[in-house]
């Protein structure tokens, strides 16, 4: 199943979901009879869950052929003879149970149980790898690094709605006008507060002339200048979570308060002046 020309948004989402499901599955070795050594996902590594050793001229095709029928464990000598050292290390670490059939499990969860959240992360990882290749950036965060970010985010001492806001900001999924436009909707793209520039995340939180005044009033201009130069929303959140405790919560409070003020302006309500918006962000809105 592929994405053809003119495919609808809903159908494209289904196709990508199925592709992500397929990519996220990994075989758990039982007797090895159902697993193709060279084509299936079965090796626990960080590359593609397949052996990195070229097949060459070997006639071996099923994982069952790598198992000693007498001991019921890996034929260590054969594995070492066929595969490169890195593959040997990963393969010999896989438990074998010849009394059970091979089974499929979900690779992106410690409990090997499928979840929508882990599938979403799978799609995000794929999108980021594609974007990284496009811009030739070798500094993309690893899965472990991203899991650490999510852990730090959910541990914040603030209401769940603010954590959800930060999570959506990280994934650039807030209903900013440029995000809505990219989904194919015919809508006004200018900032609902200043009506001067197109509203993306960078403009909304750091560049709008009114939000700049809020950063200045909160004595956080040096942080704004640091964040505005970052390339992605994820880098913004990474930087924010690594700040000294007080600065971290001051920044989160300001951004959340500004988002609330922006939404009211977007709904047609009279916007506060910058001094009032800045003052509101100094209140104990995080529930700490």
C-alpha atoms as a PDB file:
ATOM      1  CA  UNK A   1       0.000   0.000   0.000  1.00  0.00           C
ATOM      2  CA  UNK A   2       1.541   3.314  -1.133  1.00  0.00           C
ATOM      3  CA  UNK A   3       0.686   7.021  -1.212  1.00  0.00           C
ATOM      4  CA  UNK A   4      -0.540   7.761  -4.721  1.00  0.00           C
ATOM      5  CA  UNK A   5      -0.993  11.210  -6.280  1.00  0.00           C
ATOM      6  CA  UNK A   6      -4.015  13.116  -5.030  1.00  0.00           C
ATOM      7  CA  UNK A   7      -4.431  10.876  -1.978  1.00  0.00           C
ATOM      8  CA  UNK A   8      -6.658  12.340   0.743  1.00  0.00           C
ATOM      9  CA  UNK A   9      -5.310  13.419   4.130  1.00  0.00           C
ATOM     10  CA  UNK A  10      -7.263  10.650   5.900  1.00  0.00           C
ATOM     11  CA  UNK A  11      -6.090   7.913   3.545  1.00  0.00           C
ATOM     12  CA  UNK A  12      -2.502   9.180   3.724  1.00  0.00           C
ATOM     13  CA  UNK A  13      -2.686   8.966   7.528  1.00  0.00           C
ATOM     14  CA  UNK A  14      -3.920   5.360   7.318  1.00  0.00           C
ATOM     15  CA  UNK A  15      -1.158   4.386   4.883  1.00  0.00           C
ATOM     16  CA  UNK A  16       1.538   5.974   7.026  1.00  0.00           C
ATOM     17  CA  UNK A  17       0.092   4.352  10.128  1.00  0.00           C
ATOM     18  CA  UNK A  18       0.272   0.911   8.519  1.00  0.00           C
ATOM     19  CA  UNK A  19       3.833   1.577   7.364  1.00  0.00           C
ATOM     20  CA  UNK A  20       4.813   2.636  10.868  1.00  0.00           C
ATOM     21  CA  UNK A  21       3.170  -0.486  12.307  1.00  0.00           C
ATOM     22  CA  UNK A  22       5.138  -2.663   9.908  1.00  0.00           C
ATOM     23  CA  UNK A  23       8.388  -0.864  10.726  1.00  0.00           C
ATOM     24  CA  UNK A  24       7.795  -1.111  14.470  1.00  0.00           C
ATOM     25  CA  UNK A  25       7.296  -4.892  14.606  1.00  0.00           C
ATOM     26  CA  UNK A  26      10.103  -7.261  15.540  1.00  0.00           C
ATOM     27  CA  UNK A  27      10.220 -11.045  15.641  1.00  0.00           C
ATOM     28  CA  UNK A  28      10.784 -12.822  18.941  1.00  0.00           C
ATOM     29  CA  UNK A  29      12.679 -16.047  18.236  1.00  0.00           C
ATOM     30  CA  UNK A  30      10.967 -19.305  19.124  1.00  0.00           C
ATOM     31  CA  UNK A  31      12.047 -22.175  16.879  1.00  0.00           C
ATOM     32  CA  UNK A  32      13.122 -19.708  14.155  1.00  0.00           C
ATOM     33  CA  UNK A  33      11.198 -21.432  11.368  1.00  0.00           C
ATOM     34  CA  UNK A  34       9.121 -18.386  10.365  1.00  0.00           C
ATOM     35  CA  UNK A  35      11.876 -15.761  10.376  1.00  0.00           C
ATOM     36  CA  UNK A  36      13.878 -14.871   7.288  1.00  0.00           C
ATOM     37  CA  UNK A  37      17.442 -14.097   8.352  1.00  0.00           C
ATOM     38  CA  UNK A  38      18.043 -11.391   5.760  1.00  0.00           C
ATOM     39  CA  UNK A  39      14.622  -9.779   5.247  1.00  0.00           C
ATOM     40  CA  UNK A  40      12.767  -9.834   8.570  1.00  0.00           C
ATOM     41  CA  UNK A  41      13.239  -7.620  11.627  1.00  0.00           C
ATOM     42  CA  UNK A  42      14.605  -9.847  14.393  1.00  0.00           C
ATOM     43  CA  UNK A  43      18.025  -8.544  15.537  1.00  0.00           C
ATOM     44  CA  UNK A  44      18.001  -6.108  18.444  1.00  0.00           C
ATOM     45  CA  UNK A  45      20.181  -3.276  17.203  1.00  0.00           C
ATOM     46  CA  UNK A  46      19.824   0.427  16.570  1.00  0.00           C
ATOM     47  CA  UNK A  47      20.100   0.276  12.788  1.00  0.00           C
ATOM     48  CA  UNK A  48      17.249  -1.619  11.108  1.00  0.00           C
ATOM     49  CA  UNK A  49      16.809  -4.751  13.263  1.00  0.00           C
ATOM     50  CA  UNK A  50      18.304  -6.892  10.503  1.00  0.00           C
ATOM     51  CA  UNK A  51      21.867  -8.262  10.250  1.00  0.00           C
ATOM     52  CA  UNK A  52      24.291  -5.718   8.840  1.00  0.00           C
ATOM     53  CA  UNK A  53      26.416  -8.540   7.433  1.00  0.00           C
ATOM     54  CA  UNK A  54      25.962  -8.900   3.637  1.00  0.00           C
ATOM     55  CA  UNK A  55      24.347 -12.198   2.654  1.00  0.00           C
ATOM     56  CA  UNK A  56      27.023 -13.003   0.124  1.00  0.00           C
ATOM     57  CA  UNK A  57      26.806 -16.550  -1.227  1.00  0.00           C
ATOM     58  CA  UNK A  58      25.417 -18.247   1.880  1.00  0.00           C
ATOM     59  CA  UNK A  59      22.415 -20.525   1.300  1.00  0.00           C
ATOM     60  CA  UNK A  60      21.106 -20.031   4.842  1.00  0.00           C
ATOM     61  CA  UNK A  61      17.723 -18.313   4.835  1.00  0.00           C
ATOM     62  CA  UNK A  62      15.795 -19.186   8.022  1.00  0.00           C
ATOM     63  CA  UNK A  63      16.793 -18.382  11.597  1.00  0.00           C
ATOM     64  CA  UNK A  64      16.027 -22.023  12.495  1.00  0.00           C
ATOM     65  CA  UNK A  65      19.114 -23.000  10.483  1.00  0.00           C
ATOM     66  CA  UNK A  66      21.280 -21.072  12.945  1.00  0.00           C
ATOM     67  CA  UNK A  67      20.001 -23.090  15.930  1.00  0.00           C
ATOM     68  CA  UNK A  68      21.703 -26.297  17.063  1.00  0.00           C
ATOM     69  CA  UNK A  69      18.975 -29.006  16.958  1.00  0.00           C
ATOM     70  CA  UNK A  70      20.666 -30.947  19.773  1.00  0.00           C
ATOM     71  CA  UNK A  71      21.181 -28.189  22.339  1.00  0.00           C
ATOM     72  CA  UNK A  72      18.254 -26.011  21.223  1.00  0.00           C
ATOM     73  CA  UNK A  73      20.508 -22.964  21.442  1.00  0.00           C
ATOM     74  CA  UNK A  74      22.462 -20.950  18.892  1.00  0.00           C
ATOM     75  CA  UNK A  75      25.056 -22.804  16.857  1.00  0.00           C
ATOM     76  CA  UNK A  76      27.763 -20.425  18.029  1.00  0.00           C
ATOM     77  CA  UNK A  77      30.433 -21.614  15.611  1.00  0.00           C
ATOM     78  CA  UNK A  78      28.086 -21.256  12.637  1.00  0.00           C
ATOM     79  CA  UNK A  79      26.915 -17.789  13.710  1.00  0.00           C
ATOM     80  CA  UNK A  80      30.532 -16.641  14.106  1.00  0.00           C
ATOM     81  CA  UNK A  81      31.394 -18.076  10.722  1.00  0.00           C
ATOM     82  CA  UNK A  82      28.509 -16.376   8.851  1.00  0.00           C
ATOM     83  CA  UNK A  83      28.177 -12.961  10.511  1.00  0.00           C
ATOM     84  CA  UNK A  84      30.330  -9.963  11.309  1.00  0.00           C
ATOM     85  CA  UNK A  85      31.380  -9.480  14.914  1.00  0.00           C
ATOM     86  CA  UNK A  86      28.752  -6.850  15.696  1.00  0.00           C
ATOM     87  CA  UNK A  87      25.944  -9.108  14.438  1.00  0.00           C
ATOM     88  CA  UNK A  88      27.379 -12.077  16.331  1.00  0.00           C
ATOM     89  CA  UNK A  89      27.182 -10.116  19.585  1.00  0.00           C
ATOM     90  CA  UNK A  90      23.533  -9.159  19.020  1.00  0.00           C
ATOM     91  CA  UNK A  91      22.384 -12.568  17.747  1.00  0.00           C
ATOM     92  CA  UNK A  92      23.955 -14.619  20.544  1.00  0.00           C
ATOM     93  CA  UNK A  93      22.257 -12.317  23.068  1.00  0.00           C
ATOM     94  CA  UNK A  94      18.793 -13.211  21.723  1.00  0.00           C
ATOM     95  CA  UNK A  95      17.034 -15.881  23.815  1.00  0.00           C
ATOM     96  CA  UNK A  96      15.855 -18.963  21.920  1.00  0.00           C
ATOM     97  CA  UNK A  97      12.880 -21.193  22.811  1.00  0.00           C
ATOM     98  CA  UNK A  98      12.530 -24.099  20.391  1.00  0.00           C
ATOM     99  CA  UNK A  99       9.350 -25.265  22.134  1.00  0.00           C
ATOM    100  CA  UNK A 100       7.491 -22.136  20.993  1.00  0.00           C
ATOM    101  CA  UNK A 101       6.536 -20.605  17.669  1.00  0.00           C
ATOM    102  CA  UNK A 102       8.120 -17.355  16.570  1.00  0.00           C
ATOM    103  CA  UNK A 103       6.013 -14.338  17.531  1.00  0.00           C
ATOM    104  CA  UNK A 104       5.749 -10.681  16.623  1.00  0.00           C
ATOM    105  CA  UNK A 105       6.178  -7.922  19.197  1.00  0.00           C
ATOM    106  CA  UNK A 106       6.204  -4.121  19.222  1.00  0.00           C
ATOM    107  CA  UNK A 107       9.786  -2.913  19.207  1.00  0.00           C
ATOM    108  CA  UNK A 108       9.273   0.660  20.466  1.00  0.00           C
ATOM    109  CA  UNK A 109       7.997  -0.135  23.932  1.00  0.00           C
ATOM    110  CA  UNK A 110       9.816  -1.703  26.869  1.00  0.00           C
ATOM    111  CA  UNK A 111       6.823  -3.974  27.475  1.00  0.00           C
ATOM    112  CA  UNK A 112       6.723  -4.850  23.721  1.00  0.00           C
ATOM    113  CA  UNK A 113       3.046  -3.808  23.746  1.00  0.00           C
ATOM    114  CA  UNK A 114       1.705  -1.625  20.945  1.00  0.00           C
ATOM    115  CA  UNK A 115       0.440   1.843  21.849  1.00  0.00           C
ATOM    116  CA  UNK A 116      -0.692   4.837  19.808  1.00  0.00           C
ATOM    117  CA  UNK A 117       1.851   7.021  21.611  1.00  0.00           C
ATOM    118  CA  UNK A 118       4.782   4.804  20.682  1.00  0.00           C
ATOM    119  CA  UNK A 119       3.547   4.629  17.074  1.00  0.00           C
ATOM    120  CA  UNK A 120       3.375   8.415  16.991  1.00  0.00           C
ATOM    121  CA  UNK A 121       6.981   8.550  18.200  1.00  0.00           C
ATOM    122  CA  UNK A 122       7.903   6.067  15.474  1.00  0.00           C
ATOM    123  CA  UNK A 123       6.419   8.368  12.819  1.00  0.00           C
ATOM    124  CA  UNK A 124       8.144  11.383  14.371  1.00  0.00           C
ATOM    125  CA  UNK A 125      11.486   9.570  14.376  1.00  0.00           C
ATOM    126  CA  UNK A 126      11.031   8.691  10.708  1.00  0.00           C
ATOM    127  CA  UNK A 127      10.102  12.271   9.820  1.00  0.00           C
ATOM    128  CA  UNK A 128      13.114  13.619  11.712  1.00  0.00           C
ATOM    129  CA  UNK A 129      15.504  11.176  10.056  1.00  0.00           C
ATOM    130  CA  UNK A 130      14.171  12.233   6.660  1.00  0.00           C
ATOM    131  CA  UNK A 131      14.555  15.933   7.554  1.00  0.00           C
ATOM    132  CA  UNK A 132      18.036  15.295   8.940  1.00  0.00           C
ATOM    133  CA  UNK A 133      19.160  13.595   5.728  1.00  0.00           C
ATOM    134  CA  UNK A 134      17.710  16.474   3.705  1.00  0.00           C
ATOM    135  CA  UNK A 135      19.689  19.131   5.565  1.00  0.00           C
ATOM    136  CA  UNK A 136      22.796  16.975   6.086  1.00  0.00           C
ATOM    137  CA  UNK A 137      22.611  17.367   9.879  1.00  0.00           C
ATOM    138  CA  UNK A 138      24.392  14.670  11.862  1.00  0.00           C
ATOM    139  CA  UNK A 139      23.376  16.080  15.261  1.00  0.00           C
ATOM    140  CA  UNK A 140      19.809  14.723  15.360  1.00  0.00           C
ATOM    141  CA  UNK A 141      18.810  13.495  18.844  1.00  0.00           C
ATOM    142  CA  UNK A 142      18.930   9.757  19.494  1.00  0.00           C
ATOM    143  CA  UNK A 143      15.907   7.815  20.712  1.00  0.00           C
ATOM    144  CA  UNK A 144      17.438   7.603  24.190  1.00  0.00           C
ATOM    145  CA  UNK A 145      18.033  11.364  24.256  1.00  0.00           C
ATOM    146  CA  UNK A 146      14.429  12.027  23.206  1.00  0.00           C
ATOM    147  CA  UNK A 147      13.073   9.661  25.851  1.00  0.00           C
ATOM    148  CA  UNK A 148      15.037  11.655  28.415  1.00  0.00           C
ATOM    149  CA  UNK A 149      13.448  14.861  27.137  1.00  0.00           C
ATOM    150  CA  UNK A 150       9.942  13.399  27.435  1.00  0.00           C
ATOM    151  CA  UNK A 151      10.733  12.141  30.936  1.00  0.00           C
ATOM    152  CA  UNK A 152      11.903  15.588  32.043  1.00  0.00           C
ATOM    153  CA  UNK A 153       8.872  17.222  30.452  1.00  0.00           C
ATOM    154  CA  UNK A 154       6.299  14.990  32.176  1.00  0.00           C
ATOM    155  CA  UNK A 155       8.087  15.447  35.524  1.00  0.00           C
ATOM    156  CA  UNK A 156       7.584  19.222  35.474  1.00  0.00           C
ATOM    157  CA  UNK A 157       5.709  20.572  38.491  1.00  0.00           C
ATOM    158  CA  UNK A 158       2.873  22.189  36.581  1.00  0.00           C
ATOM    159  CA  UNK A 159      -0.707  21.396  35.514  1.00  0.00           C
ATOM    160  CA  UNK A 160      -1.259  18.701  32.915  1.00  0.00           C
ATOM    161  CA  UNK A 161      -2.646  21.243  30.431  1.00  0.00           C
ATOM    162  CA  UNK A 162       0.695  23.081  30.398  1.00  0.00           C
ATOM    163  CA  UNK A 163       2.640  19.849  29.901  1.00  0.00           C
ATOM    164  CA  UNK A 164       0.313  19.048  27.006  1.00  0.00           C
ATOM    165  CA  UNK A 165       0.929  22.525  25.595  1.00  0.00           C
ATOM    166  CA  UNK A 166       4.704  21.982  25.772  1.00  0.00           C
ATOM    167  CA  UNK A 167       4.386  18.535  24.203  1.00  0.00           C
ATOM    168  CA  UNK A 168       2.406  19.960  21.286  1.00  0.00           C
ATOM    169  CA  UNK A 169       4.847  22.855  20.959  1.00  0.00           C
ATOM    170  CA  UNK A 170       7.727  20.361  20.794  1.00  0.00           C
ATOM    171  CA  UNK A 171       6.022  18.541  17.912  1.00  0.00           C
ATOM    172  CA  UNK A 172       4.982  21.778  16.186  1.00  0.00           C
ATOM    173  CA  UNK A 173       1.349  20.664  16.335  1.00  0.00           C
ATOM    174  CA  UNK A 174      -0.189  23.766  17.966  1.00  0.00           C
ATOM    175  CA  UNK A 175      -2.987  25.324  15.870  1.00  0.00           C
ATOM    176  CA  UNK A 176      -0.796  28.167  14.673  1.00  0.00           C
ATOM    177  CA  UNK A 177      -2.080  29.731  11.470  1.00  0.00           C
ATOM    178  CA  UNK A 178       0.785  28.503   9.294  1.00  0.00           C
ATOM    179  CA  UNK A 179       0.313  24.967  10.671  1.00  0.00           C
ATOM    180  CA  UNK A 180      -3.369  25.115   9.738  1.00  0.00           C
ATOM    181  CA  UNK A 181      -2.461  26.420   6.275  1.00  0.00           C
ATOM    182  CA  UNK A 182      -0.061  23.500   5.747  1.00  0.00           C
ATOM    183  CA  UNK A 183      -2.912  21.079   6.369  1.00  0.00           C
ATOM    184  CA  UNK A 184      -4.611  22.446   3.254  1.00  0.00           C
ATOM    185  CA  UNK A 185      -7.108  24.815   4.863  1.00  0.00           C
ATOM    186  CA  UNK A 186      -7.705  28.193   3.242  1.00  0.00           C
ATOM    187  CA  UNK A 187      -7.131  30.548   6.152  1.00  0.00           C
ATOM    188  CA  UNK A 188      -5.600  33.870   7.101  1.00  0.00           C
ATOM    189  CA  UNK A 189      -1.943  33.312   8.005  1.00  0.00           C
ATOM    190  CA  UNK A 190      -1.024  36.647   9.567  1.00  0.00           C
ATOM    191  CA  UNK A 191      -0.403  36.781  13.306  1.00  0.00           C
ATOM    192  CA  UNK A 192      -3.748  37.445  15.115  1.00  0.00           C
ATOM    193  CA  UNK A 193      -1.968  39.756  17.561  1.00  0.00           C
ATOM    194  CA  UNK A 194       0.214  42.045  15.435  1.00  0.00           C
ATOM    195  CA  UNK A 195      -1.322  41.356  11.962  1.00  0.00           C
ATOM    196  CA  UNK A 196       2.087  41.927  10.379  1.00  0.00           C
ATOM    197  CA  UNK A 197       3.816  38.605   9.674  1.00  0.00           C
ATOM    198  CA  UNK A 198       2.818  34.989   9.050  1.00  0.00           C
ATOM    199  CA  UNK A 199       2.243  33.173  12.307  1.00  0.00           C
ATOM    200  CA  UNK A 200       4.538  30.205  12.895  1.00  0.00           C
ATOM    201  CA  UNK A 201       6.036  29.108  16.213  1.00  0.00           C
ATOM    202  CA  UNK A 202       9.067  31.343  15.950  1.00  0.00           C
ATOM    203  CA  UNK A 203       6.983  34.433  15.264  1.00  0.00           C
ATOM    204  CA  UNK A 204       4.302  33.671  17.849  1.00  0.00           C
ATOM    205  CA  UNK A 205       6.596  33.099  20.825  1.00  0.00           C
ATOM    206  CA  UNK A 206       9.723  35.120  20.028  1.00  0.00           C
ATOM    207  CA  UNK A 207       9.375  37.583  17.135  1.00  0.00           C
ATOM    208  CA  UNK A 208       5.947  39.239  17.383  1.00  0.00           C
ATOM    209  CA  UNK A 209       6.527  42.822  18.514  1.00  0.00           C
ATOM    210  CA  UNK A 210       4.093  42.386  21.396  1.00  0.00           C
ATOM    211  CA  UNK A 211       5.616  39.146  22.712  1.00  0.00           C
ATOM    212  CA  UNK A 212       9.083  40.727  22.540  1.00  0.00           C
ATOM    213  CA  UNK A 213       7.892  43.372  24.968  1.00  0.00           C
ATOM    214  CA  UNK A 214       6.715  40.633  27.344  1.00  0.00           C
ATOM    215  CA  UNK A 215      10.153  39.010  27.341  1.00  0.00           C
ATOM    216  CA  UNK A 216      11.704  42.416  28.053  1.00  0.00           C
ATOM    217  CA  UNK A 217       9.288  43.174  30.893  1.00  0.00           C
ATOM    218  CA  UNK A 218      10.087  39.795  32.470  1.00  0.00           C
ATOM    219  CA  UNK A 219      13.842  40.520  32.180  1.00  0.00           C
ATOM    220  CA  UNK A 220      14.163  37.425  29.980  1.00  0.00           C
ATOM    221  CA  UNK A 221      15.363  39.097  26.792  1.00  0.00           C
ATOM    222  CA  UNK A 222      18.687  37.251  26.941  1.00  0.00           C
ATOM    223  CA  UNK A 223      16.779  33.936  26.966  1.00  0.00           C
ATOM    224  CA  UNK A 224      14.542  35.047  24.088  1.00  0.00           C
ATOM    225  CA  UNK A 225      17.607  35.872  21.996  1.00  0.00           C
ATOM    226  CA  UNK A 226      19.025  32.442  22.775  1.00  0.00           C
ATOM    227  CA  UNK A 227      15.824  30.570  21.909  1.00  0.00           C
ATOM    228  CA  UNK A 228      14.996  32.528  18.755  1.00  0.00           C
ATOM    229  CA  UNK A 229      18.223  31.333  17.106  1.00  0.00           C
ATOM    230  CA  UNK A 230      17.395  27.630  17.543  1.00  0.00           C
ATOM    231  CA  UNK A 231      16.333  25.672  14.455  1.00  0.00           C
ATOM    232  CA  UNK A 232      13.441  23.555  15.751  1.00  0.00           C
ATOM    233  CA  UNK A 233      10.756  23.541  18.416  1.00  0.00           C
ATOM    234  CA  UNK A 234      12.373  20.452  19.942  1.00  0.00           C
ATOM    235  CA  UNK A 235      15.628  22.355  20.402  1.00  0.00           C
ATOM    236  CA  UNK A 236      13.692  25.141  22.127  1.00  0.00           C
ATOM    237  CA  UNK A 237      12.184  22.718  24.636  1.00  0.00           C
ATOM    238  CA  UNK A 238      15.517  20.921  25.119  1.00  0.00           C
ATOM    239  CA  UNK A 239      17.151  24.249  25.914  1.00  0.00           C
ATOM    240  CA  UNK A 240      14.329  25.313  28.211  1.00  0.00           C
ATOM    241  CA  UNK A 241      14.376  22.081  30.243  1.00  0.00           C
ATOM    242  CA  UNK A 242      18.130  22.383  30.757  1.00  0.00           C
ATOM    243  CA  UNK A 243      17.871  25.859  32.299  1.00  0.00           C
ATOM    244  CA  UNK A 244      18.345  26.740  35.938  1.00  0.00           C
ATOM    245  CA  UNK A 245      15.144  25.938  37.850  1.00  0.00           C
ATOM    246  CA  UNK A 246      13.725  29.456  38.297  1.00  0.00           C
ATOM    247  CA  UNK A 247      14.513  30.540  34.740  1.00  0.00           C
ATOM    248  CA  UNK A 248      13.000  27.336  33.375  1.00  0.00           C
ATOM    249  CA  UNK A 249       9.654  27.909  35.073  1.00  0.00           C
ATOM    250  CA  UNK A 250       9.647  31.642  34.318  1.00  0.00           C
ATOM    251  CA  UNK A 251      10.122  30.846  30.623  1.00  0.00           C
ATOM    252  CA  UNK A 252       7.426  28.163  30.624  1.00  0.00           C
ATOM    253  CA  UNK A 253       5.017  30.491  32.431  1.00  0.00           C
ATOM    254  CA  UNK A 254       5.613  33.317  29.975  1.00  0.00           C
ATOM    255  CA  UNK A 255       5.134  31.095  26.927  1.00  0.00           C
ATOM    256  CA  UNK A 256       1.980  29.511  28.347  1.00  0.00           C
ATOM    257  CA  UNK A 257       0.527  32.910  29.342  1.00  0.00           C
ATOM    258  CA  UNK A 258       1.316  34.315  25.916  1.00  0.00           C
ATOM    259  CA  UNK A 259      -0.325  31.351  24.202  1.00  0.00           C
ATOM    260  CA  UNK A 260      -3.454  31.957  26.292  1.00  0.00           C
ATOM    261  CA  UNK A 261      -3.422  35.660  25.356  1.00  0.00           C
ATOM    262  CA  UNK A 262      -2.835  34.802  21.696  1.00  0.00           C
ATOM    263  CA  UNK A 263      -5.811  32.416  21.677  1.00  0.00           C
ATOM    264  CA  UNK A 264      -8.069  35.109  23.099  1.00  0.00           C
ATOM    265  CA  UNK A 265      -6.900  37.539  20.416  1.00  0.00           C
ATOM    266  CA  UNK A 266      -7.483  34.855  17.795  1.00  0.00           C
ATOM    267  CA  UNK A 267     -11.038  34.467  19.090  1.00  0.00           C
ATOM    268  CA  UNK A 268     -11.620  38.202  18.589  1.00  0.00           C
ATOM    269  CA  UNK A 269     -11.273  39.330  22.187  1.00  0.00           C
ATOM    270  CA  UNK A 270      -9.533  42.600  22.955  1.00  0.00           C
ATOM    271  CA  UNK A 271      -5.836  41.873  23.492  1.00  0.00           C
ATOM    272  CA  UNK A 272      -4.063  42.912  26.657  1.00  0.00           C
ATOM    273  CA  UNK A 273      -1.241  45.376  26.436  1.00  0.00           C
ATOM    274  CA  UNK A 274       2.232  43.927  26.798  1.00  0.00           C
ATOM    275  CA  UNK A 275       2.660  45.125  30.365  1.00  0.00           C
ATOM    276  CA  UNK A 276      -0.512  43.349  31.525  1.00  0.00           C
ATOM    277  CA  UNK A 277       0.417  40.182  29.610  1.00  0.00           C
ATOM    278  CA  UNK A 278       3.874  40.210  31.113  1.00  0.00           C
ATOM    279  CA  UNK A 279       2.534  40.781  34.595  1.00  0.00           C
ATOM    280  CA  UNK A 280       0.060  37.917  34.280  1.00  0.00           C
ATOM    281  CA  UNK A 281       2.907  35.525  33.550  1.00  0.00           C
ATOM    282  CA  UNK A 282       4.511  36.293  36.926  1.00  0.00           C
ATOM    283  CA  UNK A 283       1.566  34.835  38.824  1.00  0.00           C
ATOM    284  CA  UNK A 284       1.721  31.306  40.224  1.00  0.00           C
ATOM    285  CA  UNK A 285       0.006  29.856  37.178  1.00  0.00           C
ATOM    286  CA  UNK A 286       2.048  26.642  37.199  1.00  0.00           C
ATOM    287  CA  UNK A 287       0.646  25.403  40.467  1.00  0.00           C
ATOM    288  CA  UNK A 288       4.116  24.820  41.916  1.00  0.00           C
END
